[in-house]
Amino acid sequence: MTLDEITASDEPFLNVQDVSDLLHCDPHAIRVQAQSDPDLIGFPVSVIGKRVRIPRIPFLRFIGKEESA
């Protein structure tokens, strides 16, 4: 997903694959970090079982892009 697509989306949560390209990071590395010590990621995450969800608006703030709506 591109930054423009994330900004334009009305979905409340993103998945790891959505943000991994923007962060230039392996999606699995994000999942592992979220499950082991989410405070080190730098943006909020929600871990439910093995699934990792990322709140869209806080993620946009983290990368310096406020929601456009």
PDB file of N, CA and C in Angstrom:
ATOM      1  N   MET A   1       0.836  -1.177   0.000  1.00  0.00           N
ATOM      2  CA  MET A   1       0.000   0.000   0.000  1.00  0.00           C
ATOM      3  C   MET A   1       0.887   1.248   0.000  1.00  0.00           C
ATOM      4  N   THR A   2       0.511   2.219  -0.780  1.00  0.00           N
ATOM      5  CA  THR A   2       1.285   3.459  -0.824  1.00  0.00           C
ATOM      6  C   THR A   2       0.830   4.392   0.297  1.00  0.00           C
ATOM      7  N   LEU A   3       1.630   5.411   0.554  1.00  0.00           N
ATOM      8  CA  LEU A   3       1.275   6.397   1.568  1.00  0.00           C
ATOM      9  C   LEU A   3      -0.034   7.092   1.192  1.00  0.00           C
ATOM     10  N   ASP A   4      -0.218   7.412  -0.072  1.00  0.00           N
ATOM     11  CA  ASP A   4      -1.463   8.043  -0.514  1.00  0.00           C
ATOM     12  C   ASP A   4      -2.663   7.129  -0.290  1.00  0.00           C
ATOM     13  N   GLU A   5      -2.490   5.846  -0.541  1.00  0.00           N
ATOM     14  CA  GLU A   5      -3.585   4.893  -0.329  1.00  0.00           C
ATOM     15  C   GLU A   5      -3.921   4.771   1.156  1.00  0.00           C
ATOM     16  N   ILE A   6      -2.903   4.730   1.995  1.00  0.00           N
ATOM     17  CA  ILE A   6      -3.137   4.650   3.440  1.00  0.00           C
ATOM     18  C   ILE A   6      -3.830   5.913   3.922  1.00  0.00           C
ATOM     19  N   THR A   7      -3.387   7.066   3.451  1.00  0.00           N
ATOM     20  CA  THR A   7      -3.984   8.338   3.852  1.00  0.00           C
ATOM     21  C   THR A   7      -5.437   8.423   3.408  1.00  0.00           C
ATOM     22  N   ALA A   8      -5.734   7.975   2.216  1.00  0.00           N
ATOM     23  CA  ALA A   8      -7.085   8.056   1.670  1.00  0.00           C
ATOM     24  C   ALA A   8      -8.026   6.990   2.224  1.00  0.00           C
ATOM     25  N   SER A   9      -7.482   5.951   2.799  1.00  0.00           N
ATOM     26  CA  SER A   9      -8.293   4.848   3.306  1.00  0.00           C
ATOM     27  C   SER A   9      -9.179   5.298   4.468  1.00  0.00           C
ATOM     28  N   ASP A  10     -10.304   4.627   4.621  1.00  0.00           N
ATOM     29  CA  ASP A  10     -11.139   4.888   5.787  1.00  0.00           C
ATOM     30  C   ASP A  10     -11.121   3.710   6.759  1.00  0.00           C
ATOM     31  N   GLU A  11     -10.240   2.752   6.494  1.00  0.00           N
ATOM     32  CA  GLU A  11     -10.082   1.618   7.403  1.00  0.00           C
ATOM     33  C   GLU A  11      -9.421   2.076   8.697  1.00  0.00           C
ATOM     34  N   PRO A  12      -9.910   1.630   9.845  1.00  0.00           N
ATOM     35  CA  PRO A  12      -9.300   2.060  11.108  1.00  0.00           C
ATOM     36  C   PRO A  12      -7.946   1.406  11.387  1.00  0.00           C
ATOM     37  N   PHE A  13      -7.725   0.204  10.825  1.00  0.00           N
ATOM     38  CA  PHE A  13      -6.492  -0.522  11.081  1.00  0.00           C
ATOM     39  C   PHE A  13      -5.810  -0.916   9.782  1.00  0.00           C
ATOM     40  N   LEU A  14      -4.499  -1.001   9.849  1.00  0.00           N
ATOM     41  CA  LEU A  14      -3.676  -1.496   8.755  1.00  0.00           C
ATOM     42  C   LEU A  14      -3.098  -2.836   9.181  1.00  0.00           C
ATOM     43  N   ASN A  15      -2.623  -3.610   8.229  1.00  0.00           N
ATOM     44  CA  ASN A  15      -1.901  -4.822   8.602  1.00  0.00           C
ATOM     45  C   ASN A  15      -0.405  -4.615   8.335  1.00  0.00           C
ATOM     46  N   VAL A  16       0.373  -5.554   8.763  1.00  0.00           N
ATOM     47  CA  VAL A  16       1.829  -5.434   8.666  1.00  0.00           C
ATOM     48  C   VAL A  16       2.277  -5.275   7.227  1.00  0.00           C
ATOM     49  N   GLN A  17       1.656  -5.989   6.321  1.00  0.00           N
ATOM     50  CA  GLN A  17       2.028  -5.896   4.910  1.00  0.00           C
ATOM     51  C   GLN A  17       1.795  -4.486   4.366  1.00  0.00           C
ATOM     52  N   ASP A  18       0.730  -3.835   4.841  1.00  0.00           N
ATOM     53  CA  ASP A  18       0.422  -2.474   4.384  1.00  0.00           C
ATOM     54  C   ASP A  18       1.545  -1.494   4.697  1.00  0.00           C
ATOM     55  N   VAL A  19       2.181  -1.639   5.847  1.00  0.00           N
ATOM     56  CA  VAL A  19       3.182  -0.653   6.276  1.00  0.00           C
ATOM     57  C   VAL A  19       4.623  -1.075   6.011  1.00  0.00           C
ATOM     58  N   SER A  20       4.857  -2.343   5.744  1.00  0.00           N
ATOM     59  CA  SER A  20       6.238  -2.831   5.618  1.00  0.00           C
ATOM     60  C   SER A  20       6.997  -2.174   4.466  1.00  0.00           C
ATOM     61  N   ASP A  21       6.332  -1.935   3.337  1.00  0.00           N
ATOM     62  CA  ASP A  21       7.017  -1.288   2.202  1.00  0.00           C
ATOM     63  C   ASP A  21       7.405   0.147   2.539  1.00  0.00           C
ATOM     64  N   LEU A  22       6.514   0.864   3.221  1.00  0.00           N
ATOM     65  CA  LEU A  22       6.818   2.250   3.600  1.00  0.00           C
ATOM     66  C   LEU A  22       7.988   2.327   4.574  1.00  0.00           C
ATOM     67  N   LEU A  23       8.096   1.322   5.429  1.00  0.00           N
ATOM     68  CA  LEU A  23       9.157   1.300   6.436  1.00  0.00           C
ATOM     69  C   LEU A  23      10.433   0.638   5.914  1.00  0.00           C
ATOM     70  N   HIS A  24      10.381   0.111   4.683  1.00  0.00           N
ATOM     71  CA  HIS A  24      11.518  -0.623   4.108  1.00  0.00           C
ATOM     72  C   HIS A  24      11.978  -1.707   5.077  1.00  0.00           C
ATOM     73  N   CYS A  25      11.009  -2.516   5.482  1.00  0.00           N
ATOM     74  CA  CYS A  25      11.263  -3.525   6.503  1.00  0.00           C
ATOM     75  C   CYS A  25      10.531  -4.813   6.138  1.00  0.00           C
ATOM     76  N   ASP A  26      11.079  -5.920   6.561  1.00  0.00           N
ATOM     77  CA  ASP A  26      10.450  -7.215   6.347  1.00  0.00           C
ATOM     78  C   ASP A  26       9.191  -7.312   7.212  1.00  0.00           C
ATOM     79  N   PRO A  27       8.055  -7.704   6.648  1.00  0.00           N
ATOM     80  CA  PRO A  27       6.826  -7.815   7.433  1.00  0.00           C
ATOM     81  C   PRO A  27       6.972  -8.746   8.639  1.00  0.00           C
ATOM     82  N   HIS A  28       7.719  -9.816   8.458  1.00  0.00           N
ATOM     83  CA  HIS A  28       7.905 -10.757   9.567  1.00  0.00           C
ATOM     84  C   HIS A  28       8.662 -10.103  10.729  1.00  0.00           C
ATOM     85  N   ALA A  29       9.621  -9.252  10.423  1.00  0.00           N
ATOM     86  CA  ALA A  29      10.366  -8.562  11.481  1.00  0.00           C
ATOM     87  C   ALA A  29       9.444  -7.660  12.292  1.00  0.00           C
ATOM     88  N   ILE A  30       8.504  -7.014  11.626  1.00  0.00           N
ATOM     89  CA  ILE A  30       7.532  -6.181  12.345  1.00  0.00           C
ATOM     90  C   ILE A  30       6.666  -7.043  13.253  1.00  0.00           C
ATOM     91  N   ARG A  31       6.195  -8.176  12.733  1.00  0.00           N
ATOM     92  CA  ARG A  31       5.371  -9.089  13.545  1.00  0.00           C
ATOM     93  C   ARG A  31       6.132  -9.582  14.773  1.00  0.00           C
ATOM     94  N   VAL A  32       7.367  -9.996  14.574  1.00  0.00           N
ATOM     95  CA  VAL A  32       8.170 -10.508  15.685  1.00  0.00           C
ATOM     96  C   VAL A  32       8.364  -9.429  16.745  1.00  0.00           C
ATOM     97  N   GLN A  33       8.707  -8.218  16.313  1.00  0.00           N
ATOM     98  CA  GLN A  33       8.922  -7.125  17.265  1.00  0.00           C
ATOM     99  C   GLN A  33       7.622  -6.775  17.995  1.00  0.00           C
ATOM    100  N   ALA A  34       6.520  -6.748  17.279  1.00  0.00           N
ATOM    101  CA  ALA A  34       5.228  -6.424  17.889  1.00  0.00           C
ATOM    102  C   ALA A  34       4.856  -7.440  18.960  1.00  0.00           C
ATOM    103  N   GLN A  35       5.197  -8.688  18.724  1.00  0.00           N
ATOM    104  CA  GLN A  35       4.859  -9.732  19.679  1.00  0.00           C
ATOM    105  C   GLN A  35       5.836  -9.797  20.841  1.00  0.00           C
ATOM    106  N   SER A  36       7.091  -9.452  20.620  1.00  0.00           N
ATOM    107  CA  SER A  36       8.081  -9.566  21.696  1.00  0.00           C
ATOM    108  C   SER A  36       8.204  -8.305  22.531  1.00  0.00           C
ATOM    109  N   ASP A  37       8.225  -7.129  21.910  1.00  0.00           N
ATOM    110  CA  ASP A  37       8.347  -5.868  22.653  1.00  0.00           C
ATOM    111  C   ASP A  37       7.796  -4.721  21.795  1.00  0.00           C
ATOM    112  N   PRO A  38       6.471  -4.557  21.792  1.00  0.00           N
ATOM    113  CA  PRO A  38       5.847  -3.572  20.907  1.00  0.00           C
ATOM    114  C   PRO A  38       6.247  -2.129  21.192  1.00  0.00           C
ATOM    115  N   ASP A  39       6.714  -1.833  22.386  1.00  0.00           N
ATOM    116  CA  ASP A  39       7.113  -0.463  22.713  1.00  0.00           C
ATOM    117  C   ASP A  39       8.305   0.009  21.886  1.00  0.00           C
ATOM    118  N   LEU A  40       9.099  -0.903  21.375  1.00  0.00           N
ATOM    119  CA  LEU A  40      10.272  -0.526  20.589  1.00  0.00           C
ATOM    120  C   LEU A  40       9.951  -0.204  19.127  1.00  0.00           C
ATOM    121  N   ILE A  41       8.738  -0.486  18.689  1.00  0.00           N
ATOM    122  CA  ILE A  41       8.385  -0.241  17.293  1.00  0.00           C
ATOM    123  C   ILE A  41       8.285   1.255  17.010  1.00  0.00           C
ATOM    124  N   GLY A  42       7.707   2.004  17.919  1.00  0.00           N
ATOM    125  CA  GLY A  42       7.596   3.446  17.719  1.00  0.00           C
ATOM    126  C   GLY A  42       6.200   3.917  17.369  1.00  0.00           C
ATOM    127  N   PHE A  43       5.327   3.010  17.008  1.00  0.00           N
ATOM    128  CA  PHE A  43       3.927   3.337  16.743  1.00  0.00           C
ATOM    129  C   PHE A  43       3.062   2.266  17.406  1.00  0.00           C
ATOM    130  N   PRO A  44       1.817   2.599  17.730  1.00  0.00           N
ATOM    131  CA  PRO A  44       0.958   1.627  18.418  1.00  0.00           C
ATOM    132  C   PRO A  44       0.650   0.417  17.539  1.00  0.00           C
ATOM    133  N   VAL A  45       0.574  -0.724  18.186  1.00  0.00           N
ATOM    134  CA  VAL A  45       0.155  -1.949  17.520  1.00  0.00           C
ATOM    135  C   VAL A  45      -0.816  -2.687  18.426  1.00  0.00           C
ATOM    136  N   SER A  46      -1.653  -3.487  17.809  1.00  0.00           N
ATOM    137  CA  SER A  46      -2.567  -4.353  18.539  1.00  0.00           C
ATOM    138  C   SER A  46      -2.223  -5.780  18.147  1.00  0.00           C
ATOM    139  N   VAL A  47      -1.872  -6.584  19.141  1.00  0.00           N
ATOM    140  CA  VAL A  47      -1.509  -7.977  18.884  1.00  0.00           C
ATOM    141  C   VAL A  47      -2.619  -8.856  19.432  1.00  0.00           C
ATOM    142  N   ILE A  48      -3.222  -9.644  18.549  1.00  0.00           N
ATOM    143  CA  ILE A  48      -4.283 -10.563  18.932  1.00  0.00           C
ATOM    144  C   ILE A  48      -3.882 -11.931  18.415  1.00  0.00           C
ATOM    145  N   GLY A  49      -3.442 -12.779  19.330  1.00  0.00           N
ATOM    146  CA  GLY A  49      -2.900 -14.067  18.910  1.00  0.00           C
ATOM    147  C   GLY A  49      -1.646 -13.828  18.097  1.00  0.00           C
ATOM    148  N   LYS A  50      -1.628 -14.320  16.879  1.00  0.00           N
ATOM    149  CA  LYS A  50      -0.488 -14.102  15.985  1.00  0.00           C
ATOM    150  C   LYS A  50      -0.703 -12.916  15.047  1.00  0.00           C
ATOM    151  N   ARG A  51      -1.878 -12.329  15.096  1.00  0.00           N
ATOM    152  CA  ARG A  51      -2.194 -11.208  14.200  1.00  0.00           C
ATOM    153  C   ARG A  51      -1.744  -9.881  14.800  1.00  0.00           C
ATOM    154  N   VAL A  52      -1.215  -9.042  13.937  1.00  0.00           N
ATOM    155  CA  VAL A  52      -0.774  -7.708  14.345  1.00  0.00           C
ATOM    156  C   VAL A  52      -1.549  -6.699  13.506  1.00  0.00           C
ATOM    157  N   ARG A  53      -2.216  -5.793  14.187  1.00  0.00           N
ATOM    158  CA  ARG A  53      -2.953  -4.720  13.529  1.00  0.00           C
ATOM    159  C   ARG A  53      -2.364  -3.387  13.972  1.00  0.00           C
ATOM    160  N   ILE A  54      -2.360  -2.437  13.063  1.00  0.00           N
ATOM    161  CA  ILE A  54      -1.746  -1.137  13.311  1.00  0.00           C
ATOM    162  C   ILE A  54      -2.817  -0.071  13.126  1.00  0.00           C
ATOM    163  N   PRO A  55      -3.120   0.705  14.166  1.00  0.00           N
ATOM    164  CA  PRO A  55      -4.094   1.788  14.004  1.00  0.00           C
ATOM    165  C   PRO A  55      -3.602   2.789  12.952  1.00  0.00           C
ATOM    166  N   ARG A  56      -4.430   3.054  11.957  1.00  0.00           N
ATOM    167  CA  ARG A  56      -4.031   3.854  10.797  1.00  0.00           C
ATOM    168  C   ARG A  56      -3.630   5.289  11.159  1.00  0.00           C
ATOM    169  N   ILE A  57      -4.454   5.991  11.914  1.00  0.00           N
ATOM    170  CA  ILE A  57      -4.170   7.397  12.203  1.00  0.00           C
ATOM    171  C   ILE A  57      -2.911   7.557  13.059  1.00  0.00           C
ATOM    172  N   PRO A  58      -2.730   6.777  14.136  1.00  0.00           N
ATOM    173  CA  PRO A  58      -1.458   6.898  14.859  1.00  0.00           C
ATOM    174  C   PRO A  58      -0.241   6.548  14.002  1.00  0.00           C
ATOM    175  N   PHE A  59      -0.394   5.598  13.068  1.00  0.00           N
ATOM    176  CA  PHE A  59       0.721   5.281  12.170  1.00  0.00           C
ATOM    177  C   PHE A  59       1.039   6.471  11.277  1.00  0.00           C
ATOM    178  N   LEU A  60       0.003   7.128  10.745  1.00  0.00           N
ATOM    179  CA  LEU A  60       0.232   8.312   9.914  1.00  0.00           C
ATOM    180  C   LEU A  60       0.940   9.410  10.702  1.00  0.00           C
ATOM    181  N   ARG A  61       0.571   9.575  11.958  1.00  0.00           N
ATOM    182  CA  ARG A  61       1.256  10.564  12.804  1.00  0.00           C
ATOM    183  C   ARG A  61       2.718  10.175  13.011  1.00  0.00           C
ATOM    184  N   PHE A  62       2.967   8.890  13.199  1.00  0.00           N
ATOM    185  CA  PHE A  62       4.323   8.392  13.413  1.00  0.00           C
ATOM    186  C   PHE A  62       5.224   8.729  12.234  1.00  0.00           C
ATOM    187  N   ILE A  63       4.716   8.597  11.022  1.00  0.00           N
ATOM    188  CA  ILE A  63       5.547   8.880   9.854  1.00  0.00           C
ATOM    189  C   ILE A  63       5.478  10.339   9.428  1.00  0.00           C
ATOM    190  N   GLY A  64       4.791  11.159  10.232  1.00  0.00           N
ATOM    191  CA  GLY A  64       4.773  12.604   9.975  1.00  0.00           C
ATOM    192  C   GLY A  64       3.707  13.062   9.010  1.00  0.00           C
ATOM    193  N   LYS A  65       2.729  12.233   8.788  1.00  0.00           N
ATOM    194  CA  LYS A  65       1.635  12.574   7.851  1.00  0.00           C
ATOM    195  C   LYS A  65       0.320  12.480   8.604  1.00  0.00           C
ATOM    196  N   GLU A  66      -0.314  13.608   8.816  1.00  0.00           N
ATOM    197  CA  GLU A  66      -1.602  13.617   9.493  1.00  0.00           C
ATOM    198  C   GLU A  66      -2.686  13.118   8.547  1.00  0.00           C
ATOM    199  N   GLU A  67      -3.775  12.640   9.117  1.00  0.00           N
ATOM    200  CA  GLU A  67      -4.907  12.197   8.309  1.00  0.00           C
ATOM    201  C   GLU A  67      -5.452  13.377   7.521  1.00  0.00           C
ATOM    202  N   SER A  68      -5.818  13.144   6.280  1.00  0.00           N
ATOM    203  CA  SER A  68      -6.273  14.235   5.420  1.00  0.00           C
ATOM    204  C   SER A  68      -7.767  14.508   5.527  1.00  0.00           C
ATOM    205  N   ALA A  69      -8.507  13.671   6.202  1.00  0.00           N
ATOM    206  CA  ALA A  69      -9.970  13.843   6.252  1.00  0.00           C
ATOM    207  C   ALA A  69     -10.411  14.800   7.305  1.00  0.00           C
TER     208      ALA A  69
END
